[in-house]
Amino acid sequence: MTFIDSHCHLNYKGLVEQQQEVLERARAAGVGTMLTISTRESEWDDVIGIAERETAIWATVGIHPHEADSHAHVDTAKLVDRAQHPRVVGIGESGLDYYYDHRDRDQQQTSFRAHIAAARETGLPIIVHTRDAEDDTAAILRDEMGKGAYPGVIHCFTASDAFADIALDLGFYISISGIVTFKNAKALQGTAARVPIERLLIETDAPFLAPVPHRGKTGEPAFVADTARFLADLRGVDVMTLAAATSANFHRLFTKVTP
C-alpha cells in the first residue's frame, strides 16, 4: 500500500533540519511520493534541489498570495521558464487569501492569473490556495477557463460545498488535508465524503495541520497515512482502495511525474 503526499513544504523550518529522518519516517509509513511546494521565488532552488536529490520527491514553482506584493516581477514567462526543469511538475501554490487581508487583493489576483496562464502554457497543473475568497477565486477560475483549458487542484480544501461543485465542474481535483480529522470540521467531512473518488487527492501541507492523533505536533509527510485512514472510514471504503485511487489520481493530474 503506497500513499502520495500531494502537498508539503520540505524546505520549511521543522522539516528541513531533519530532512533525512522525515523522509525515512515517510517511507516507513508507506508514503512513496511527495510533492514539495514553493511559496516564494527564493525557495525555488531549494525545492528543486530536494527533488533532484530524492527520486521520490517532485517540486513546484509559484508564489503564495501572501507573497504577491513582493513578487510583482514574477510573471507568466518567469514561471514557464523555471517549469522547464525536469523535476518541476506543477505551478503554485497560488491563489487568493483574504483571511488576514494584509496583502493587496488586486496584486493577488494579477499573480493568480499569471500562474493560471503558466499552467495553461505548460500543461502543468496549478495548485490553488483559497481562503475566505471563494467568490473571487471561482470567478477567476471560470474566466480563465474561458480563455483555454488548464488542469489544477484546490489544495487543502476547506471551502463550501458550492465551491467544491464549481471546482469539480471546471475539471479540478480536490485535495484533503489533516483538517478533515479535526472534531470541528463537520462541514469539511461532509464534502470530503461526497467528492468523486476519481477526483480526490490527499496531502499534509506539512509542517502545518498535523492530523489527529498528531494534532499540535509538527506535521510531516508520514502523517498522510493517518488522514487517508480517516478519510477511508469516512467514505466507507478500505484504506487500500483509497490509497490506490488517490495515487492514480495524482499521476493522472501530475502527468510529468514518472514512477
C-alpha atoms as a PDB file:
ATOM      1  CA  MET A   1       0.000   0.000   0.000  1.00  0.00           C
ATOM      2  CA  THR A   2       1.515   3.308  -1.119  1.00  0.00           C
ATOM      3  CA  PHE A   3       0.373   6.829  -0.278  1.00  0.00           C
ATOM      4  CA  ILE A   4       1.234  10.088  -2.034  1.00  0.00           C
ATOM      5  CA  ASP A   5       1.570  13.343  -0.141  1.00  0.00           C
ATOM      6  CA  SER A   6       0.440  15.755  -2.840  1.00  0.00           C
ATOM      7  CA  HIS A   7       1.389  18.924  -0.934  1.00  0.00           C
ATOM      8  CA  CYS A   8       4.131  19.513   1.630  1.00  0.00           C
ATOM      9  CA  HIS A   9       6.895  22.030   2.318  1.00  0.00           C
ATOM     10  CA  LEU A  10      10.053  20.030   2.942  1.00  0.00           C
ATOM     11  CA  ASN A  11      12.221  23.146   2.961  1.00  0.00           C
ATOM     12  CA  TYR A  12      10.320  24.720   5.876  1.00  0.00           C
ATOM     13  CA  LYS A  13      11.524  25.016   9.456  1.00  0.00           C
ATOM     14  CA  GLY A  14      10.542  21.935  11.388  1.00  0.00           C
ATOM     15  CA  LEU A  15      11.305  19.591   8.495  1.00  0.00           C
ATOM     16  CA  VAL A  16      14.443  20.865   6.802  1.00  0.00           C
ATOM     17  CA  GLU A  17      16.599  20.423   9.946  1.00  0.00           C
ATOM     18  CA  GLN A  18      15.886  16.672   9.978  1.00  0.00           C
ATOM     19  CA  GLN A  19      15.087  16.064   6.357  1.00  0.00           C
ATOM     20  CA  GLN A  20      16.528  12.550   6.073  1.00  0.00           C
ATOM     21  CA  GLU A  21      14.757  11.374   9.232  1.00  0.00           C
ATOM     22  CA  VAL A  22      11.495  12.867   7.938  1.00  0.00           C
ATOM     23  CA  LEU A  23      11.881  11.024   4.649  1.00  0.00           C
ATOM     24  CA  GLU A  24      12.713   7.761   6.407  1.00  0.00           C
ATOM     25  CA  ARG A  25       9.571   8.042   8.540  1.00  0.00           C
ATOM     26  CA  ALA A  26       7.538   8.785   5.431  1.00  0.00           C
ATOM     27  CA  ARG A  27       8.838   5.707   3.667  1.00  0.00           C
ATOM     28  CA  ALA A  28       8.180   3.588   6.764  1.00  0.00           C
ATOM     29  CA  ALA A  29       4.573   4.840   6.761  1.00  0.00           C
ATOM     30  CA  GLY A  30       4.134   3.799   3.130  1.00  0.00           C
ATOM     31  CA  VAL A  31       4.490   7.229   1.539  1.00  0.00           C
ATOM     32  CA  GLY A  32       6.095   6.575  -1.817  1.00  0.00           C
ATOM     33  CA  THR A  33       5.913  10.013  -3.441  1.00  0.00           C
ATOM     34  CA  MET A  34       5.915  13.590  -2.151  1.00  0.00           C
ATOM     35  CA  LEU A  35       5.347  16.920  -3.869  1.00  0.00           C
ATOM     36  CA  THR A  36       7.210  19.771  -2.181  1.00  0.00           C
ATOM     37  CA  ILE A  37       5.624  23.144  -2.873  1.00  0.00           C
ATOM     38  CA  SER A  38       7.215  26.581  -3.207  1.00  0.00           C
ATOM     39  CA  THR A  39       5.618  29.783  -1.962  1.00  0.00           C
ATOM     40  CA  ARG A  40       8.188  32.430  -2.956  1.00  0.00           C
ATOM     41  CA  GLU A  41      10.871  32.779  -5.600  1.00  0.00           C
ATOM     42  CA  SER A  42      13.709  32.412  -3.100  1.00  0.00           C
ATOM     43  CA  GLU A  43      12.507  28.846  -2.403  1.00  0.00           C
ATOM     44  CA  TRP A  44      12.582  27.624  -5.984  1.00  0.00           C
ATOM     45  CA  ASP A  45      16.203  26.457  -5.939  1.00  0.00           C
ATOM     46  CA  ASP A  46      15.680  24.777  -2.564  1.00  0.00           C
ATOM     47  CA  VAL A  47      12.643  22.724  -3.532  1.00  0.00           C
ATOM     48  CA  ILE A  48      14.112  21.804  -6.903  1.00  0.00           C
ATOM     49  CA  GLY A  49      17.332  20.797  -5.162  1.00  0.00           C
ATOM     50  CA  ILE A  50      15.442  18.445  -2.844  1.00  0.00           C
ATOM     51  CA  ALA A  51      13.677  16.905  -5.836  1.00  0.00           C
ATOM     52  CA  GLU A  52      16.976  16.470  -7.668  1.00  0.00           C
ATOM     53  CA  ARG A  53      18.471  14.589  -4.707  1.00  0.00           C
ATOM     54  CA  GLU A  54      15.455  12.398  -3.932  1.00  0.00           C
ATOM     55  CA  THR A  55      13.803  10.424  -6.717  1.00  0.00           C
ATOM     56  CA  ALA A  56      10.530  10.113  -4.766  1.00  0.00           C
ATOM     57  CA  ILE A  57      10.170  13.888  -4.443  1.00  0.00           C
ATOM     58  CA  TRP A  58       8.967  16.382  -7.043  1.00  0.00           C
ATOM     59  CA  ALA A  59       8.697  20.167  -6.918  1.00  0.00           C
ATOM     60  CA  THR A  60       6.625  23.160  -7.993  1.00  0.00           C
ATOM     61  CA  VAL A  61       7.359  26.816  -8.707  1.00  0.00           C
ATOM     62  CA  GLY A  62       4.973  29.501  -7.551  1.00  0.00           C
ATOM     63  CA  ILE A  63       4.139  32.481  -5.370  1.00  0.00           C
ATOM     64  CA  HIS A  64       1.736  32.228  -2.433  1.00  0.00           C
ATOM     65  CA  PRO A  65      -0.885  35.005  -2.325  1.00  0.00           C
ATOM     66  CA  HIS A  66       0.677  36.314   0.891  1.00  0.00           C
ATOM     67  CA  GLU A  67       3.849  36.944  -1.135  1.00  0.00           C
ATOM     68  CA  ALA A  68       2.180  38.517  -4.160  1.00  0.00           C
ATOM     69  CA  ASP A  69       3.003  42.113  -3.182  1.00  0.00           C
ATOM     70  CA  SER A  70       6.744  41.447  -3.112  1.00  0.00           C
ATOM     71  CA  HIS A  71       6.759  39.335  -6.270  1.00  0.00           C
ATOM     72  CA  ALA A  72       5.150  41.565  -8.886  1.00  0.00           C
ATOM     73  CA  HIS A  73       8.155  40.766 -11.111  1.00  0.00           C
ATOM     74  CA  VAL A  74       7.267  37.056 -11.220  1.00  0.00           C
ATOM     75  CA  ASP A  75       5.204  36.872 -14.376  1.00  0.00           C
ATOM     76  CA  THR A  76       3.992  34.046 -16.580  1.00  0.00           C
ATOM     77  CA  ALA A  77       7.205  33.968 -18.585  1.00  0.00           C
ATOM     78  CA  LYS A  78       9.359  33.522 -15.484  1.00  0.00           C
ATOM     79  CA  LEU A  79       7.145  30.726 -14.195  1.00  0.00           C
ATOM     80  CA  VAL A  80       7.133  28.966 -17.562  1.00  0.00           C
ATOM     81  CA  ASP A  81      10.911  29.229 -17.803  1.00  0.00           C
ATOM     82  CA  ARG A  82      11.539  27.606 -14.400  1.00  0.00           C
ATOM     83  CA  ALA A  83       8.849  24.996 -15.027  1.00  0.00           C
ATOM     84  CA  GLN A  84      11.012  23.551 -17.820  1.00  0.00           C
ATOM     85  CA  HIS A  85      13.147  21.850 -15.174  1.00  0.00           C
ATOM     86  CA  PRO A  86      12.523  18.087 -15.319  1.00  0.00           C
ATOM     87  CA  ARG A  87      11.721  17.871 -11.594  1.00  0.00           C
ATOM     88  CA  VAL A  88       9.157  20.709 -11.656  1.00  0.00           C
ATOM     89  CA  VAL A  89       5.712  19.190 -12.156  1.00  0.00           C
ATOM     90  CA  GLY A  90       3.276  21.924 -11.087  1.00  0.00           C
ATOM     91  CA  ILE A  91       2.642  25.668 -10.871  1.00  0.00           C
ATOM     92  CA  GLY A  92       1.975  27.167  -7.454  1.00  0.00           C
ATOM     93  CA  GLU A  93       0.882  27.392  -4.899  1.00  0.00           C
ATOM     94  CA  SER A  94      -1.030  30.464  -5.967  1.00  0.00           C
ATOM     95  CA  GLY A  95      -4.485  31.870  -5.432  1.00  0.00           C
ATOM     96  CA  LEU A  96      -6.317  34.275  -3.164  1.00  0.00           C
ATOM     97  CA  ASP A  97      -6.200  34.660   0.611  1.00  0.00           C
ATOM     98  CA  TYR A  98      -8.379  37.349   2.159  1.00  0.00           C
ATOM     99  CA  TYR A  99      -8.332  35.905   5.696  1.00  0.00           C
ATOM    100  CA  TYR A 100      -5.804  38.372   7.098  1.00  0.00           C
ATOM    101  CA  ASP A 101      -6.403  40.860   4.301  1.00  0.00           C
ATOM    102  CA  HIS A 102      -2.952  42.349   4.679  1.00  0.00           C
ATOM    103  CA  ARG A 103      -1.978  41.890   1.033  1.00  0.00           C
ATOM    104  CA  ASP A 104      -3.271  43.893  -1.896  1.00  0.00           C
ATOM    105  CA  ARG A 105      -6.187  41.999  -3.451  1.00  0.00           C
ATOM    106  CA  ASP A 106      -5.578  43.334  -6.949  1.00  0.00           C
ATOM    107  CA  GLN A 107      -1.974  42.134  -6.895  1.00  0.00           C
ATOM    108  CA  GLN A 108      -3.072  38.737  -5.593  1.00  0.00           C
ATOM    109  CA  GLN A 109      -5.492  38.453  -8.492  1.00  0.00           C
ATOM    110  CA  THR A 110      -2.890  39.560 -11.023  1.00  0.00           C
ATOM    111  CA  SER A 111      -0.418  36.999  -9.702  1.00  0.00           C
ATOM    112  CA  PHE A 112      -3.079  34.288  -9.678  1.00  0.00           C
ATOM    113  CA  ARG A 113      -3.934  34.930 -13.326  1.00  0.00           C
ATOM    114  CA  ALA A 114      -0.235  34.847 -14.258  1.00  0.00           C
ATOM    115  CA  HIS A 115       0.050  31.417 -12.631  1.00  0.00           C
ATOM    116  CA  ILE A 116      -3.026  30.146 -14.447  1.00  0.00           C
ATOM    117  CA  ALA A 117      -1.575  31.357 -17.745  1.00  0.00           C
ATOM    118  CA  ALA A 118       1.635  29.463 -16.936  1.00  0.00           C
ATOM    119  CA  ALA A 119      -0.385  26.328 -16.200  1.00  0.00           C
ATOM    120  CA  ARG A 120      -2.210  26.716 -19.497  1.00  0.00           C
ATOM    121  CA  GLU A 121       1.023  27.249 -21.444  1.00  0.00           C
ATOM    122  CA  THR A 122       2.969  24.400 -19.838  1.00  0.00           C
ATOM    123  CA  GLY A 123       0.118  21.956 -19.338  1.00  0.00           C
ATOM    124  CA  LEU A 124       1.214  21.573 -15.719  1.00  0.00           C
ATOM    125  CA  PRO A 125      -1.492  21.746 -13.027  1.00  0.00           C
ATOM    126  CA  ILE A 126      -1.939  24.845 -10.921  1.00  0.00           C
ATOM    127  CA  ILE A 127      -2.064  24.284  -7.167  1.00  0.00           C
ATOM    128  CA  VAL A 128      -4.747  26.670  -5.891  1.00  0.00           C
ATOM    129  CA  HIS A 129      -4.790  28.181  -2.418  1.00  0.00           C
ATOM    130  CA  THR A 130      -8.051  29.888  -1.482  1.00  0.00           C
ATOM    131  CA  ARG A 131      -9.117  31.181   1.922  1.00  0.00           C
ATOM    132  CA  ASP A 132     -12.068  33.470   2.581  1.00  0.00           C
ATOM    133  CA  ALA A 133     -12.058  34.302  -1.118  1.00  0.00           C
ATOM    134  CA  GLU A 134     -14.430  31.792  -2.698  1.00  0.00           C
ATOM    135  CA  ASP A 135     -16.348  34.184  -4.927  1.00  0.00           C
ATOM    136  CA  ASP A 136     -13.304  35.857  -6.449  1.00  0.00           C
ATOM    137  CA  THR A 137     -11.450  32.557  -6.782  1.00  0.00           C
ATOM    138  CA  ALA A 138     -14.398  30.964  -8.585  1.00  0.00           C
ATOM    139  CA  ALA A 139     -14.826  33.994 -10.857  1.00  0.00           C
ATOM    140  CA  ILE A 140     -11.156  33.958 -11.886  1.00  0.00           C
ATOM    141  CA  LEU A 141     -11.060  30.192 -12.411  1.00  0.00           C
ATOM    142  CA  ARG A 142     -14.135  30.379 -14.640  1.00  0.00           C
ATOM    143  CA  ASP A 143     -12.947  33.434 -16.553  1.00  0.00           C
ATOM    144  CA  GLU A 144      -9.523  31.935 -17.197  1.00  0.00           C
ATOM    145  CA  MET A 145     -11.007  28.591 -18.212  1.00  0.00           C
ATOM    146  CA  GLY A 146     -12.894  30.505 -20.891  1.00  0.00           C
ATOM    147  CA  LYS A 147      -9.533  31.542 -22.368  1.00  0.00           C
ATOM    148  CA  GLY A 148      -8.407  27.937 -22.664  1.00  0.00           C
ATOM    149  CA  ALA A 149      -8.463  24.815 -20.529  1.00  0.00           C
ATOM    150  CA  TYR A 150      -5.857  24.170 -17.848  1.00  0.00           C
ATOM    151  CA  PRO A 151      -5.522  21.472 -15.142  1.00  0.00           C
ATOM    152  CA  GLY A 152      -5.468  22.091 -11.410  1.00  0.00           C
ATOM    153  CA  VAL A 153      -6.211  21.139  -7.833  1.00  0.00           C
ATOM    154  CA  ILE A 154      -7.756  23.014  -4.921  1.00  0.00           C
ATOM    155  CA  HIS A 155      -5.259  22.249  -2.210  1.00  0.00           C
ATOM    156  CA  CYS A 156      -6.085  21.860   1.490  1.00  0.00           C
ATOM    157  CA  PHE A 157      -9.777  22.143   0.718  1.00  0.00           C
ATOM    158  CA  THR A 158     -11.811  23.933   3.415  1.00  0.00           C
ATOM    159  CA  ALA A 159     -14.335  25.797   1.276  1.00  0.00           C
ATOM    160  CA  SER A 160     -18.070  25.284   0.836  1.00  0.00           C
ATOM    161  CA  ASP A 161     -19.963  22.542  -0.955  1.00  0.00           C
ATOM    162  CA  ALA A 162     -20.947  25.108  -3.565  1.00  0.00           C
ATOM    163  CA  PHE A 163     -17.319  25.944  -4.281  1.00  0.00           C
ATOM    164  CA  ALA A 164     -16.465  22.238  -4.451  1.00  0.00           C
ATOM    165  CA  ASP A 165     -19.122  21.817  -7.129  1.00  0.00           C
ATOM    166  CA  ILE A 166     -17.725  24.744  -9.109  1.00  0.00           C
ATOM    167  CA  ALA A 167     -14.198  23.330  -8.930  1.00  0.00           C
ATOM    168  CA  LEU A 168     -15.359  19.869  -9.944  1.00  0.00           C
ATOM    169  CA  ASP A 169     -17.399  21.274 -12.828  1.00  0.00           C
ATOM    170  CA  LEU A 170     -14.253  23.013 -14.069  1.00  0.00           C
ATOM    171  CA  GLY A 171     -12.365  19.720 -14.017  1.00  0.00           C
ATOM    172  CA  PHE A 172     -10.338  20.385 -10.881  1.00  0.00           C
ATOM    173  CA  TYR A 173      -9.215  17.849  -8.317  1.00  0.00           C
ATOM    174  CA  ILE A 174      -9.822  18.411  -4.605  1.00  0.00           C
ATOM    175  CA  SER A 175      -7.102  17.688  -2.058  1.00  0.00           C
ATOM    176  CA  ILE A 176      -7.945  16.874   1.555  1.00  0.00           C
ATOM    177  CA  SER A 177      -5.534  17.637   4.395  1.00  0.00           C
ATOM    178  CA  GLY A 178      -5.388  16.627   8.052  1.00  0.00           C
ATOM    179  CA  ILE A 179      -8.006  19.271   8.849  1.00  0.00           C
ATOM    180  CA  VAL A 180     -10.622  16.675   7.922  1.00  0.00           C
ATOM    181  CA  THR A 181      -9.729  14.738  11.100  1.00  0.00           C
ATOM    182  CA  PHE A 182     -10.483  17.680  13.415  1.00  0.00           C
ATOM    183  CA  LYS A 183     -13.608  17.439  15.561  1.00  0.00           C
ATOM    184  CA  ASN A 184     -14.864  20.849  14.427  1.00  0.00           C
ATOM    185  CA  ALA A 185     -14.534  20.025  10.712  1.00  0.00           C
ATOM    186  CA  LYS A 186     -18.023  18.562  10.216  1.00  0.00           C
ATOM    187  CA  ALA A 187     -18.781  20.599   7.094  1.00  0.00           C
ATOM    188  CA  LEU A 188     -15.482  19.596   5.504  1.00  0.00           C
ATOM    189  CA  GLN A 189     -16.094  15.972   6.419  1.00  0.00           C
ATOM    190  CA  GLY A 190     -19.406  16.131   4.584  1.00  0.00           C
ATOM    191  CA  THR A 191     -17.715  17.500   1.469  1.00  0.00           C
ATOM    192  CA  ALA A 192     -14.848  15.017   1.676  1.00  0.00           C
ATOM    193  CA  ALA A 193     -17.302  12.150   1.886  1.00  0.00           C
ATOM    194  CA  ARG A 194     -19.009  13.067  -1.384  1.00  0.00           C
ATOM    195  CA  VAL A 195     -16.202  14.230  -3.681  1.00  0.00           C
ATOM    196  CA  PRO A 196     -15.991  11.670  -6.509  1.00  0.00           C
ATOM    197  CA  ILE A 197     -13.187   9.306  -5.656  1.00  0.00           C
ATOM    198  CA  GLU A 198     -11.662   9.789  -9.103  1.00  0.00           C
ATOM    199  CA  ARG A 199     -11.099  13.490  -8.309  1.00  0.00           C
ATOM    200  CA  LEU A 200      -9.698  13.117  -4.775  1.00  0.00           C
ATOM    201  CA  LEU A 201      -6.156  13.745  -3.532  1.00  0.00           C
ATOM    202  CA  ILE A 202      -4.642  13.666  -0.039  1.00  0.00           C
ATOM    203  CA  GLU A 203      -1.967  15.885   1.468  1.00  0.00           C
ATOM    204  CA  THR A 204      -0.342  17.028   4.697  1.00  0.00           C
ATOM    205  CA  ASP A 205       0.622  20.655   3.983  1.00  0.00           C
ATOM    206  CA  ALA A 206       3.480  19.748   6.336  1.00  0.00           C
ATOM    207  CA  PRO A 207       4.852  21.165   8.569  1.00  0.00           C
ATOM    208  CA  PHE A 208       1.339  22.507   9.199  1.00  0.00           C
ATOM    209  CA  LEU A 209      -2.009  20.903  10.048  1.00  0.00           C
ATOM    210  CA  ALA A 210      -0.911  17.621  11.601  1.00  0.00           C
ATOM    211  CA  PRO A 211      -3.934  15.309  11.702  1.00  0.00           C
ATOM    212  CA  VAL A 212      -5.366  13.524  14.703  1.00  0.00           C
ATOM    213  CA  PRO A 213      -3.685  11.728  16.523  1.00  0.00           C
ATOM    214  CA  HIS A 214      -0.690  14.024  15.939  1.00  0.00           C
ATOM    215  CA  ARG A 215      -2.514  17.342  16.291  1.00  0.00           C
ATOM    216  CA  GLY A 216      -0.301  20.011  17.822  1.00  0.00           C
ATOM    217  CA  LYS A 217       2.901  18.405  16.550  1.00  0.00           C
ATOM    218  CA  THR A 218       4.974  19.428  13.545  1.00  0.00           C
ATOM    219  CA  GLY A 219       3.296  17.912  10.521  1.00  0.00           C
ATOM    220  CA  GLU A 220       5.270  15.641   8.231  1.00  0.00           C
ATOM    221  CA  PRO A 221       4.565  13.536   5.138  1.00  0.00           C
ATOM    222  CA  ALA A 222       4.282  10.289   7.126  1.00  0.00           C
ATOM    223  CA  PHE A 223       1.047  11.643   8.602  1.00  0.00           C
ATOM    224  CA  VAL A 224      -0.740  11.493   5.250  1.00  0.00           C
ATOM    225  CA  ALA A 225      -1.375   7.841   6.109  1.00  0.00           C
ATOM    226  CA  ASP A 226      -3.444   8.926   9.140  1.00  0.00           C
ATOM    227  CA  THR A 227      -5.501  11.294   7.011  1.00  0.00           C
ATOM    228  CA  ALA A 228      -6.011   8.524   4.461  1.00  0.00           C
ATOM    229  CA  ARG A 229      -7.273   6.096   7.110  1.00  0.00           C
ATOM    230  CA  PHE A 230      -9.713   8.678   8.488  1.00  0.00           C
ATOM    231  CA  LEU A 231     -10.932   9.563   5.016  1.00  0.00           C
ATOM    232  CA  ALA A 232     -11.370   5.916   4.077  1.00  0.00           C
ATOM    233  CA  ASP A 233     -13.525   5.340   7.169  1.00  0.00           C
ATOM    234  CA  LEU A 234     -15.498   8.487   6.391  1.00  0.00           C
ATOM    235  CA  ARG A 235     -16.228   7.277   2.873  1.00  0.00           C
ATOM    236  CA  GLY A 236     -16.868   3.664   3.852  1.00  0.00           C
ATOM    237  CA  VAL A 237     -14.029   2.131   1.848  1.00  0.00           C
ATOM    238  CA  ASP A 238     -10.901   0.304   2.896  1.00  0.00           C
ATOM    239  CA  VAL A 239      -7.726   2.315   3.091  1.00  0.00           C
ATOM    240  CA  MET A 240      -6.027   0.293   0.342  1.00  0.00           C
ATOM    241  CA  THR A 241      -8.785   1.318  -2.066  1.00  0.00           C
ATOM    242  CA  LEU A 242      -8.406   4.965  -1.089  1.00  0.00           C
ATOM    243  CA  ALA A 243      -4.612   4.840  -1.339  1.00  0.00           C
ATOM    244  CA  ALA A 244      -4.767   3.299  -4.803  1.00  0.00           C
ATOM    245  CA  ALA A 245      -7.370   5.760  -6.064  1.00  0.00           C
ATOM    246  CA  THR A 246      -5.682   8.904  -4.757  1.00  0.00           C
ATOM    247  CA  SER A 247      -2.319   7.740  -6.085  1.00  0.00           C
ATOM    248  CA  ALA A 248      -3.791   7.075  -9.518  1.00  0.00           C
ATOM    249  CA  ASN A 249      -5.451  10.498  -9.440  1.00  0.00           C
ATOM    250  CA  PHE A 250      -2.154  12.163  -8.569  1.00  0.00           C
ATOM    251  CA  HIS A 251      -0.448  10.592 -11.568  1.00  0.00           C
ATOM    252  CA  ARG A 252      -3.393  11.473 -13.812  1.00  0.00           C
ATOM    253  CA  LEU A 253      -3.118  15.132 -12.781  1.00  0.00           C
ATOM    254  CA  PHE A 254       0.662  15.476 -12.450  1.00  0.00           C
ATOM    255  CA  THR A 255       1.496  13.866 -15.755  1.00  0.00           C
ATOM    256  CA  LYS A 256       5.139  14.903 -15.634  1.00  0.00           C
ATOM    257  CA  VAL A 257       5.748  12.685 -12.600  1.00  0.00           C
ATOM    258  CA  THR A 258       7.340   9.362 -13.542  1.00  0.00           C
ATOM    259  CA  PRO A 259       7.022   6.246 -11.360  1.00  0.00           C
END
